[in-house]
Protein backbone atom coordinates (compact mmCIF):
# COMPACT_ATOMS: atom_id res chain seq x y z
CA UNK A 1 181.53 103.44 -110.64
CA UNK A 2 180.57 100.56 -108.45
CA UNK A 3 178.98 97.44 -109.92
CA UNK A 4 175.59 98.50 -108.50
CA UNK A 5 175.83 101.88 -110.23
CA UNK A 6 176.29 100.25 -113.64
CA UNK A 7 172.63 99.31 -113.96
CA UNK A 8 171.94 101.44 -116.99
CA UNK A 9 168.39 102.51 -117.47
CA UNK A 10 168.89 104.19 -120.86
CA UNK A 11 171.79 104.22 -123.33
CA UNK A 12 172.48 106.02 -126.61
CA UNK A 13 175.42 105.25 -128.92
CA UNK A 14 177.36 108.35 -129.96
CA UNK A 15 178.86 109.01 -133.43
CA UNK A 16 182.42 108.74 -132.04
CA UNK A 17 181.81 105.15 -130.85
CA UNK A 18 181.26 106.15 -127.23
CA UNK A 19 178.02 105.81 -125.27
CA UNK A 20 175.82 108.17 -123.28
CA UNK A 21 174.01 106.34 -120.51
CA UNK A 22 171.91 106.95 -117.45
CA UNK A 23 172.14 104.61 -114.51
CA UNK A 24 170.16 104.26 -111.33
CA UNK A 25 171.99 106.06 -108.57
CA UNK A 26 174.63 107.77 -110.72
CA UNK A 27 172.84 110.01 -113.18
CA UNK A 28 174.25 110.56 -116.67
CA UNK A 29 177.60 109.14 -117.74
CA UNK A 30 179.71 109.47 -120.87
CA UNK A 31 181.23 106.02 -121.43
CA UNK A 32 183.80 104.60 -123.83
CA UNK A 33 182.70 101.97 -126.32
CA UNK A 34 184.01 99.36 -123.87
CA UNK A 35 181.97 100.78 -120.97
CA UNK A 36 184.69 102.57 -119.00
CA UNK A 37 183.73 105.92 -117.48
CA UNK A 38 184.97 108.96 -119.43
CA UNK A 39 182.90 111.60 -117.65
CA UNK A 40 180.18 111.80 -115.01
CA UNK A 41 177.84 114.58 -116.23
CA UNK A 42 176.43 116.77 -113.48
CA UNK A 43 172.78 117.84 -113.36
CA UNK A 44 172.89 121.67 -113.25
CA UNK A 45 169.42 122.19 -111.77
CA UNK A 46 168.93 119.54 -109.12
CA UNK A 47 171.00 116.70 -107.68
CA UNK A 48 169.00 114.33 -109.86
CA UNK A 49 170.18 110.75 -110.15
CA UNK A 50 167.47 109.25 -112.29
CA UNK A 51 166.68 110.05 -115.89
CA UNK A 52 163.80 108.76 -117.97
CA UNK A 53 164.92 108.84 -121.58
CA UNK A 54 167.60 109.69 -124.12
CA UNK A 55 166.87 110.62 -127.75
CA UNK A 56 168.70 112.17 -130.71
CA UNK A 57 166.57 114.54 -132.81
CA UNK A 58 166.74 115.03 -136.60
CA UNK A 59 169.29 117.85 -136.11
CA UNK A 60 171.63 115.49 -134.24
CA UNK A 61 171.02 117.07 -130.81
CA UNK A 62 170.93 114.70 -127.84
CA UNK A 63 168.11 115.13 -125.31
CA UNK A 64 167.72 113.63 -121.86
CA UNK A 65 164.45 113.53 -119.94
CA UNK A 66 164.62 113.69 -116.17
CA UNK A 67 162.30 113.80 -113.21
CA UNK A 68 163.01 117.50 -112.71
CA UNK A 69 163.72 118.83 -116.21
CA UNK A 70 164.36 118.21 -119.89
CA UNK A 71 168.00 118.68 -120.91
CA UNK A 72 169.88 119.16 -124.16
CA UNK A 73 173.39 117.69 -124.15
CA UNK A 74 175.99 120.28 -125.14
CA UNK A 75 179.76 120.18 -125.70
CA UNK A 76 182.38 117.85 -127.10
CA UNK A 77 183.50 114.38 -126.08
CA UNK A 78 184.90 114.55 -122.55
CA UNK A 79 183.37 117.98 -121.92
CA UNK A 80 179.65 117.29 -122.08
CA UNK A 81 177.11 119.28 -120.07
CA UNK A 82 173.34 119.28 -119.56
CA UNK A 83 171.42 122.44 -120.47
CA UNK A 84 167.81 122.66 -119.17
CA UNK A 85 165.10 123.38 -121.72
CA UNK A 86 161.57 124.41 -120.72
CA UNK A 87 158.47 122.63 -121.95
CA UNK A 88 155.17 124.54 -122.41
CA UNK A 89 153.26 125.33 -119.22
CA UNK A 90 156.13 124.71 -116.82
CA UNK A 91 159.64 125.93 -116.07
CA UNK A 92 160.76 122.48 -114.92
CA UNK A 93 159.06 119.36 -116.16
CA UNK A 94 158.82 115.80 -114.94
CA UNK A 95 159.64 114.20 -118.30
CA UNK A 96 158.41 110.62 -118.44
CA UNK A 97 159.09 109.66 -122.06
CA UNK A 98 160.95 110.94 -125.13
CA UNK A 99 160.16 109.67 -128.64
CA UNK A 100 160.82 110.61 -132.27
CA UNK A 101 158.06 110.67 -134.86
CA UNK A 102 158.57 109.48 -138.45
CA UNK A 103 159.72 113.00 -139.44
CA UNK A 104 162.46 113.02 -136.79
CA UNK A 105 160.66 115.51 -134.53
CA UNK A 106 161.30 115.10 -130.81
CA UNK A 107 158.23 114.54 -128.60
CA UNK A 108 158.13 114.68 -124.80
CA UNK A 109 155.54 113.20 -122.46
CA UNK A 110 155.51 115.05 -119.15
CA UNK A 111 153.49 115.73 -116.03
CA UNK A 112 150.98 118.07 -117.68
CA UNK A 113 150.75 116.65 -121.19
CA UNK A 114 152.49 116.01 -124.46
CA UNK A 115 154.59 118.38 -126.58
CA UNK A 116 156.78 118.27 -129.67
CA UNK A 117 159.71 120.37 -130.79
CA UNK A 118 158.90 122.05 -134.11
CA UNK A 119 161.41 122.55 -136.90
CA UNK A 120 162.07 126.11 -135.68
CA UNK A 121 163.26 124.83 -132.28
CA UNK A 122 160.16 125.79 -130.26
CA UNK A 123 158.12 123.44 -128.09
CA UNK A 124 154.43 123.07 -128.98
CA UNK A 125 152.06 121.54 -126.44
CA UNK A 126 149.38 119.30 -127.93
CA UNK A 127 145.88 120.66 -127.29
CA UNK A 128 143.20 118.01 -126.82
CA UNK A 129 139.45 117.95 -126.30
CA UNK A 130 140.03 116.34 -122.86
CA UNK A 131 142.88 117.09 -120.49
CA UNK A 132 145.83 114.66 -120.38
CA UNK A 133 147.83 114.50 -117.15
CA UNK A 134 150.61 112.34 -115.78
CA UNK A 135 151.74 110.90 -119.12
CA UNK A 136 153.58 107.63 -118.41
CA UNK A 137 154.57 106.69 -121.95
CA UNK A 138 153.42 107.10 -125.54
CA UNK A 139 153.97 105.72 -129.02
CA UNK A 140 152.93 106.51 -132.57
CA UNK A 141 150.47 104.42 -134.58
CA UNK A 142 148.28 104.56 -137.65
CA UNK A 143 149.04 104.31 -141.32
CA UNK A 144 150.45 107.80 -141.88
CA UNK A 145 152.92 109.97 -140.00
CA UNK A 146 151.22 111.47 -136.98
CA UNK A 147 147.83 109.85 -137.62
CA UNK A 148 147.50 108.82 -134.01
CA UNK A 149 149.39 108.72 -130.76
CA UNK A 150 148.73 106.13 -128.07
CA UNK A 151 149.26 107.52 -124.57
CA UNK A 152 149.48 105.71 -121.24
CA UNK A 153 148.68 108.03 -118.37
CA UNK A 154 147.89 108.16 -114.64
CA UNK A 155 149.80 105.21 -113.21
CA UNK A 156 149.57 103.20 -116.41
CA UNK A 157 146.04 101.94 -115.68
CA UNK A 158 144.46 104.01 -118.42
CA UNK A 159 145.45 104.82 -121.93
CA UNK A 160 144.19 107.04 -124.69
CA UNK A 161 144.39 107.30 -128.44
CA UNK A 162 145.03 110.84 -129.60
CA UNK A 163 143.81 111.29 -133.15
CA UNK A 164 144.56 114.07 -135.59
CA UNK A 165 143.20 117.51 -134.60
CA UNK A 166 143.41 116.78 -130.88
CA UNK A 167 140.42 114.43 -130.60
CA UNK A 168 141.12 112.17 -127.66
CA UNK A 169 139.50 108.76 -127.17
CA UNK A 170 140.07 107.19 -123.76
CA UNK A 171 140.15 103.52 -122.88
CA UNK A 172 139.97 101.57 -119.64
CA UNK A 173 140.37 97.80 -119.39
CA UNK A 174 140.45 97.54 -123.19
CA UNK A 175 137.13 99.36 -123.72
CA UNK A 176 136.60 102.86 -125.06
CA UNK A 177 135.21 105.29 -122.49
CA UNK A 178 132.58 107.54 -124.03
CA UNK A 179 133.20 111.01 -122.70
CA UNK A 180 130.47 113.49 -121.97
CA UNK A 181 130.95 116.76 -123.80
CA UNK A 182 131.51 119.80 -121.56
């Protein structure tokens, strides 16, 4: 890899001491602990060269979010591959953020909303009282696990607080927007 290609956007240490990383212009790479290239991992669905997140779920599976799909990393060291996984409502998703909640469940923010992977391995889209689109990023807050989720959406100029039971409160410029009921 050239020096320019080594601008890693996301990295994840692996149990064997190696690293999984995504870099601008080169896609996903399996690197040694010293940073030398062990394997360039091909995107099976699209010649994608930019990925948005890497997470390890509570089962130890590695996940990579991309602009054209969500992938699960499969295989052994030196023989890794990306397997596309579909999120609810779309066969290929623009995944913008991957996070783990306090229970180790994987959550994905994507073009048409927010979903989590349940403990049976199925994706569940979060239903809200108002539609969420173009999720940019999200994080968990509140005193208990899953009490609230803060979501940045639509070019990062707006954000919302998603409370338990799908009640969404929106904010703009630091002030809550009172929504009219449909």
